[in-house]
C-alpha atoms as a PDB file:
ATOM      1  CA  MET A   1     -21.952  11.293  17.328  1.00  0.00           C
ATOM      2  CA  LEU A   2     -22.248   7.926  19.040  1.00  0.00           C
ATOM      3  CA  ARG A   3     -22.744   8.094  22.821  1.00  0.00           C
ATOM      4  CA  ALA A   4     -22.405   4.493  24.021  1.00  0.00           C
ATOM      5  CA  PRO A   5     -22.014   2.303  20.974  1.00  0.00           C
ATOM      6  CA  ARG A   6     -22.914  -1.335  20.792  1.00  0.00           C
ATOM      7  CA  HIS A   7     -21.081  -3.375  18.191  1.00  0.00           C
ATOM      8  CA  TYR A   8     -21.698  -6.237  15.805  1.00  0.00           C
ATOM      9  CA  GLU A   9     -19.507  -7.476  12.947  1.00  0.00           C
ATOM     10  CA  LEU A  10     -19.229 -10.377  10.576  1.00  0.00           C
ATOM     11  CA  ALA A  11     -16.298 -11.465   8.420  1.00  0.00           C
ATOM     12  CA  LEU A  12     -16.631 -14.005   5.634  1.00  0.00           C
ATOM     13  CA  PRO A  13     -14.810 -15.175   2.525  1.00  0.00           C
ATOM     14  CA  VAL A  14     -15.877 -13.890  -0.881  1.00  0.00           C
ATOM     15  CA  ALA A  15     -14.903 -15.580  -4.151  1.00  0.00           C
ATOM     16  CA  ALA A  16     -13.633 -12.418  -5.854  1.00  0.00           C
ATOM     17  CA  GLN A  17     -10.675 -10.062  -5.661  1.00  0.00           C
ATOM     18  CA  PRO A  18     -10.924  -6.929  -3.459  1.00  0.00           C
ATOM     19  CA  PRO A  19     -11.533  -4.435  -6.318  1.00  0.00           C
ATOM     20  CA  ALA A  20     -14.595  -6.377  -7.520  1.00  0.00           C
ATOM     21  CA  VAL A  21     -15.923  -6.875  -3.973  1.00  0.00           C
ATOM     22  CA  PHE A  22     -15.450  -3.188  -3.187  1.00  0.00           C
ATOM     23  CA  ALA A  23     -17.148  -2.093  -6.415  1.00  0.00           C
ATOM     24  CA  PHE A  24     -20.241  -4.165  -5.587  1.00  0.00           C
ATOM     25  CA  ALA A  25     -20.373  -3.105  -1.911  1.00  0.00           C
ATOM     26  CA  ASP A  26     -19.759   0.552  -2.846  1.00  0.00           C
ATOM     27  CA  ASP A  27     -23.015   0.608  -4.836  1.00  0.00           C
ATOM     28  CA  HIS A  28     -25.610   1.273  -2.133  1.00  0.00           C
ATOM     29  CA  ALA A  29     -28.464   0.514  -4.496  1.00  0.00           C
ATOM     30  CA  SER A  30     -27.186  -3.087  -4.435  1.00  0.00           C
ATOM     31  CA  PHE A  31     -25.531  -3.197  -1.026  1.00  0.00           C
ATOM     32  CA  SER A  32     -28.618  -1.872   0.804  1.00  0.00           C
ATOM     33  CA  SER A  33     -31.111  -3.737  -1.394  1.00  0.00           C
ATOM     34  CA  HIS A  34     -32.346  -5.781   1.597  1.00  0.00           C
ATOM     35  CA  MET A  35     -34.001  -2.563   2.850  1.00  0.00           C
ATOM     36  CA  ASN A  36     -36.009  -2.265  -0.394  1.00  0.00           C
ATOM     37  CA  LYS A  37     -37.730  -5.615   0.052  1.00  0.00           C
ATOM     38  CA  PRO A  38     -40.537  -6.313   2.496  1.00  0.00           C
ATOM     39  CA  SER A  39     -39.416  -8.753   5.185  1.00  0.00           C
ATOM     40  CA  TRP A  40     -40.498  -9.924   8.611  1.00  0.00           C
ATOM     41  CA  MET A  41     -37.621  -7.915  10.149  1.00  0.00           C
ATOM     42  CA  MET A  42     -38.973  -4.797   8.452  1.00  0.00           C
ATOM     43  CA  GLY A  43     -42.503  -5.496   9.671  1.00  0.00           C
ATOM     44  CA  GLY A  44     -43.652  -5.995   6.093  1.00  0.00           C
ATOM     45  CA  GLY A  45     -42.435  -2.504   5.192  1.00  0.00           C
ATOM     46  CA  ARG A  46     -39.508  -1.319   3.188  1.00  0.00           C
ATOM     47  CA  MET A  47     -37.144   1.622   2.909  1.00  0.00           C
ATOM     48  CA  GLU A  48     -36.254   3.495  -0.278  1.00  0.00           C
ATOM     49  CA  VAL A  49     -32.581   4.378  -0.791  1.00  0.00           C
ATOM     50  CA  VAL A  50     -32.036   7.904  -2.160  1.00  0.00           C
ATOM     51  CA  LEU A  51     -28.499   8.789  -3.260  1.00  0.00           C
ATOM     52  CA  ASP A  52     -27.036  12.244  -3.867  1.00  0.00           C
ATOM     53  CA  GLU A  53     -24.913  13.140  -6.892  1.00  0.00           C
ATOM     54  CA  GLY A  54     -21.924  11.404  -5.254  1.00  0.00           C
ATOM     55  CA  ARG A  55     -23.995   8.170  -5.180  1.00  0.00           C
ATOM     56  CA  GLY A  56     -22.633   7.418  -1.688  1.00  0.00           C
ATOM     57  CA  GLN A  57     -19.249   6.763  -3.269  1.00  0.00           C
ATOM     58  CA  ARG A  58     -17.090   9.609  -1.945  1.00  0.00           C
ATOM     59  CA  VAL A  59     -16.391  11.242   1.403  1.00  0.00           C
ATOM     60  CA  GLY A  60     -19.189  13.671   2.246  1.00  0.00           C
ATOM     61  CA  SER A  61     -21.733  11.969  -0.009  1.00  0.00           C
ATOM     62  CA  HIS A  62     -25.214  11.444   1.493  1.00  0.00           C
ATOM     63  CA  ILE A  63     -27.342   8.318   1.472  1.00  0.00           C
ATOM     64  CA  ARG A  64     -30.925   8.780   2.616  1.00  0.00           C
ATOM     65  CA  LEU A  65     -33.393   6.062   3.493  1.00  0.00           C
ATOM     66  CA  GLN A  66     -37.106   6.620   3.970  1.00  0.00           C
ATOM     67  CA  GLY A  67     -40.100   4.384   4.224  1.00  0.00           C
ATOM     68  CA  ARG A  68     -42.410   2.551   6.567  1.00  0.00           C
ATOM     69  CA  VAL A  69     -41.733  -0.248   9.015  1.00  0.00           C
ATOM     70  CA  PHE A  70     -44.562  -1.841  10.985  1.00  0.00           C
ATOM     71  CA  GLY A  71     -46.695   0.908   9.417  1.00  0.00           C
ATOM     72  CA  LEU A  72     -44.620   3.697  11.009  1.00  0.00           C
ATOM     73  CA  PRO A  73     -42.745   6.302   8.950  1.00  0.00           C
ATOM     74  CA  LEU A  74     -38.963   6.034   9.314  1.00  0.00           C
ATOM     75  CA  SER A  75     -36.127   8.031   7.815  1.00  0.00           C
ATOM     76  CA  LEU A  76     -32.422   8.630   8.178  1.00  0.00           C
ATOM     77  CA  ASP A  77     -29.537  10.430   6.553  1.00  0.00           C
ATOM     78  CA  GLU A  78     -26.070   8.885   6.320  1.00  0.00           C
ATOM     79  CA  VAL A  79     -22.829  10.498   5.207  1.00  0.00           C
ATOM     80  CA  VAL A  80     -19.756   8.698   3.883  1.00  0.00           C
ATOM     81  CA  THR A  81     -16.845   9.397   6.253  1.00  0.00           C
ATOM     82  CA  ARG A  82     -14.098   7.241   4.752  1.00  0.00           C
ATOM     83  CA  HIS A  83     -13.698   5.933   1.210  1.00  0.00           C
ATOM     84  CA  GLU A  84     -10.478   4.110   0.306  1.00  0.00           C
ATOM     85  CA  PRO A  85     -11.075   1.718  -2.608  1.00  0.00           C
ATOM     86  CA  PRO A  86     -10.626  -1.218  -2.665  1.00  0.00           C
ATOM     87  CA  ARG A  87     -10.112  -1.641   1.098  1.00  0.00           C
ATOM     88  CA  VAL A  88     -12.290   0.490   3.384  1.00  0.00           C
ATOM     89  CA  LYS A  89     -15.523   2.446   3.443  1.00  0.00           C
ATOM     90  CA  THR A  90     -17.392   3.856   6.452  1.00  0.00           C
ATOM     91  CA  TRP A  91     -20.574   5.890   6.761  1.00  0.00           C
ATOM     92  CA  GLU A  92     -22.643   7.159   9.664  1.00  0.00           C
ATOM     93  CA  THR A  93     -25.931   8.779  10.451  1.00  0.00           C
ATOM     94  CA  VAL A  94     -26.166  12.538  10.698  1.00  0.00           C
ATOM     95  CA  GLY A  95     -28.861  14.410  12.548  1.00  0.00           C
ATOM     96  CA  THR A  96     -31.413  12.399  14.468  1.00  0.00           C
ATOM     97  CA  PRO A  97     -32.502   9.249  12.640  1.00  0.00           C
ATOM     98  CA  GLN A  98     -36.184   8.387  12.870  1.00  0.00           C
ATOM     99  CA  LEU A  99     -35.754   4.675  13.639  1.00  0.00           C
ATOM    100  CA  LEU A 100     -37.344   2.175  16.020  1.00  0.00           C
ATOM    101  CA  VAL A 101     -34.671  -0.085  17.505  1.00  0.00           C
ATOM    102  CA  VAL A 102     -31.341   1.638  16.843  1.00  0.00           C
ATOM    103  CA  GLY A 103     -30.311   5.277  17.107  1.00  0.00           C
ATOM    104  CA  ASN A 104     -27.295   6.873  15.520  1.00  0.00           C
ATOM    105  CA  TYR A 105     -24.861   4.412  14.007  1.00  0.00           C
ATOM    106  CA  ARG A 106     -21.626   3.994  12.101  1.00  0.00           C
ATOM    107  CA  MET A 107     -21.248   1.194   9.573  1.00  0.00           C
ATOM    108  CA  GLY A 108     -18.392   0.068   7.433  1.00  0.00           C
ATOM    109  CA  ILE A 109     -16.726  -2.505   5.278  1.00  0.00           C
ATOM    110  CA  GLU A 110     -13.157  -3.710   5.209  1.00  0.00           C
ATOM    111  CA  ILE A 111     -11.888  -5.936   2.414  1.00  0.00           C
ATOM    112  CA  ALA A 112      -8.606  -7.848   2.449  1.00  0.00           C
ATOM    113  CA  PRO A 113      -7.078 -10.221  -0.099  1.00  0.00           C
ATOM    114  CA  GLN A 114      -7.385 -13.873   0.911  1.00  0.00           C
ATOM    115  CA  GLY A 115      -5.880 -16.425  -1.465  1.00  0.00           C
ATOM    116  CA  SER A 116      -7.673 -16.147  -4.805  1.00  0.00           C
ATOM    117  CA  GLY A 117     -10.539 -14.204  -3.198  1.00  0.00           C
ATOM    118  CA  SER A 118     -11.174 -11.777  -0.361  1.00  0.00           C
ATOM    119  CA  THR A 119     -12.290 -11.522   3.216  1.00  0.00           C
ATOM    120  CA  LEU A 120     -15.136  -9.066   3.721  1.00  0.00           C
ATOM    121  CA  ARG A 121     -15.802  -7.590   7.159  1.00  0.00           C
ATOM    122  CA  VAL A 122     -19.024  -5.632   7.682  1.00  0.00           C
ATOM    123  CA  PHE A 123     -19.622  -3.895  11.013  1.00  0.00           C
ATOM    124  CA  ILE A 124     -22.028  -1.610  12.823  1.00  0.00           C
ATOM    125  CA  ASP A 125     -21.522   0.485  15.950  1.00  0.00           C
ATOM    126  CA  TYR A 126     -24.872   1.800  17.155  1.00  0.00           C
ATOM    127  CA  ASP A 127     -26.598   3.613  19.974  1.00  0.00           C
ATOM    128  CA  LEU A 128     -29.987   2.805  21.360  1.00  0.00           C
ATOM    129  CA  PRO A 129     -32.734   5.047  20.011  1.00  0.00           C
ATOM    130  CA  ALA A 130     -33.264   8.313  21.919  1.00  0.00           C
ATOM    131  CA  LYS A 131     -36.993   7.579  22.171  1.00  0.00           C
ATOM    132  CA  ASN A 132     -38.144   4.184  23.427  1.00  0.00           C
ATOM    133  CA  ALA A 133     -34.664   2.900  24.312  1.00  0.00           C
ATOM    134  CA  TRP A 134     -36.366  -0.191  25.743  1.00  0.00           C
ATOM    135  CA  LEU A 135     -37.200  -1.259  22.171  1.00  0.00           C
ATOM    136  CA  GLY A 136     -33.512  -0.965  21.325  1.00  0.00           C
ATOM    137  CA  ARG A 137     -32.532  -3.067  24.336  1.00  0.00           C
ATOM    138  CA  LEU A 138     -34.965  -5.766  23.250  1.00  0.00           C
ATOM    139  CA  PHE A 139     -34.482  -5.739  19.476  1.00  0.00           C
ATOM    140  CA  GLY A 140     -31.474  -3.564  18.553  1.00  0.00           C
ATOM    141  CA  GLY A 141     -28.950  -6.394  18.658  1.00  0.00           C
ATOM    142  CA  MET A 142     -31.185  -8.664  16.598  1.00  0.00           C
ATOM    143  CA  TYR A 143     -31.709  -5.937  14.001  1.00  0.00           C
ATOM    144  CA  ALA A 144     -27.978  -5.075  13.841  1.00  0.00           C
ATOM    145  CA  GLN A 145     -27.127  -8.735  13.266  1.00  0.00           C
ATOM    146  CA  TRP A 146     -29.805  -9.104  10.599  1.00  0.00           C
ATOM    147  CA  CYS A 147     -28.656  -6.003   8.725  1.00  0.00           C
ATOM    148  CA  VAL A 148     -24.944  -6.918   8.795  1.00  0.00           C
ATOM    149  CA  ARG A 149     -25.721 -10.508   7.762  1.00  0.00           C
ATOM    150  CA  GLN A 150     -27.948  -9.371   4.895  1.00  0.00           C
ATOM    151  CA  MET A 151     -25.254  -7.063   3.534  1.00  0.00           C
ATOM    152  CA  SER A 152     -22.487  -9.646   3.960  1.00  0.00           C
ATOM    153  CA  ASN A 153     -24.474 -12.492   2.447  1.00  0.00           C
ATOM    154  CA  ASP A 154     -25.666 -10.353  -0.485  1.00  0.00           C
ATOM    155  CA  VAL A 155     -22.048  -9.588  -1.397  1.00  0.00           C
ATOM    156  CA  ARG A 156     -20.925 -13.193  -0.999  1.00  0.00           C
ATOM    157  CA  ASP A 157     -23.908 -14.553  -2.929  1.00  0.00           C
ATOM    158  CA  HIS A 158     -23.443 -12.052  -5.776  1.00  0.00           C
ATOM    159  CA  PHE A 159     -20.043 -13.569  -6.520  1.00  0.00           C
ATOM    160  CA  ILE A 160     -21.229 -17.153  -6.160  1.00  0.00           C
ATOM    161  CA  THR A 161     -23.873 -16.663  -8.855  1.00  0.00           C
ATOM    162  CA  THR A 162     -21.840 -14.495 -11.255  1.00  0.00           C
END
């Protein structure tokens, strides 16, 4: 449960109809692929996405991420809380995530028709981490923006190149 959420969102046009956009964003292996690649934001580390039998594509389905960031072990468990193709999906952390700059969070996508394409909105509501909240105050907003932008841009770019 979020205590005092901070919020970041981004909406952008996507050159595809809502069902196609939702299908791509609903596949966490693709949608969260930025976590699988080493980057400066991940301190050269990466996180592995582990899906349950529901593949993160139905209410109650779990999505687990584990790995190393800046050499430190991190892990979290997310559960899908809303799944209404082709419009809305939300998921949130359960338990106590082992993260550096954000604590518990809720994320989601909303997709609306826009002309011959769609508008995609990706958002995150997050708490500061329980331990070392000062790191969250310094870097949480930057990380939230990076994550939302990566997800949004990956969806948009997928439909530009296909």
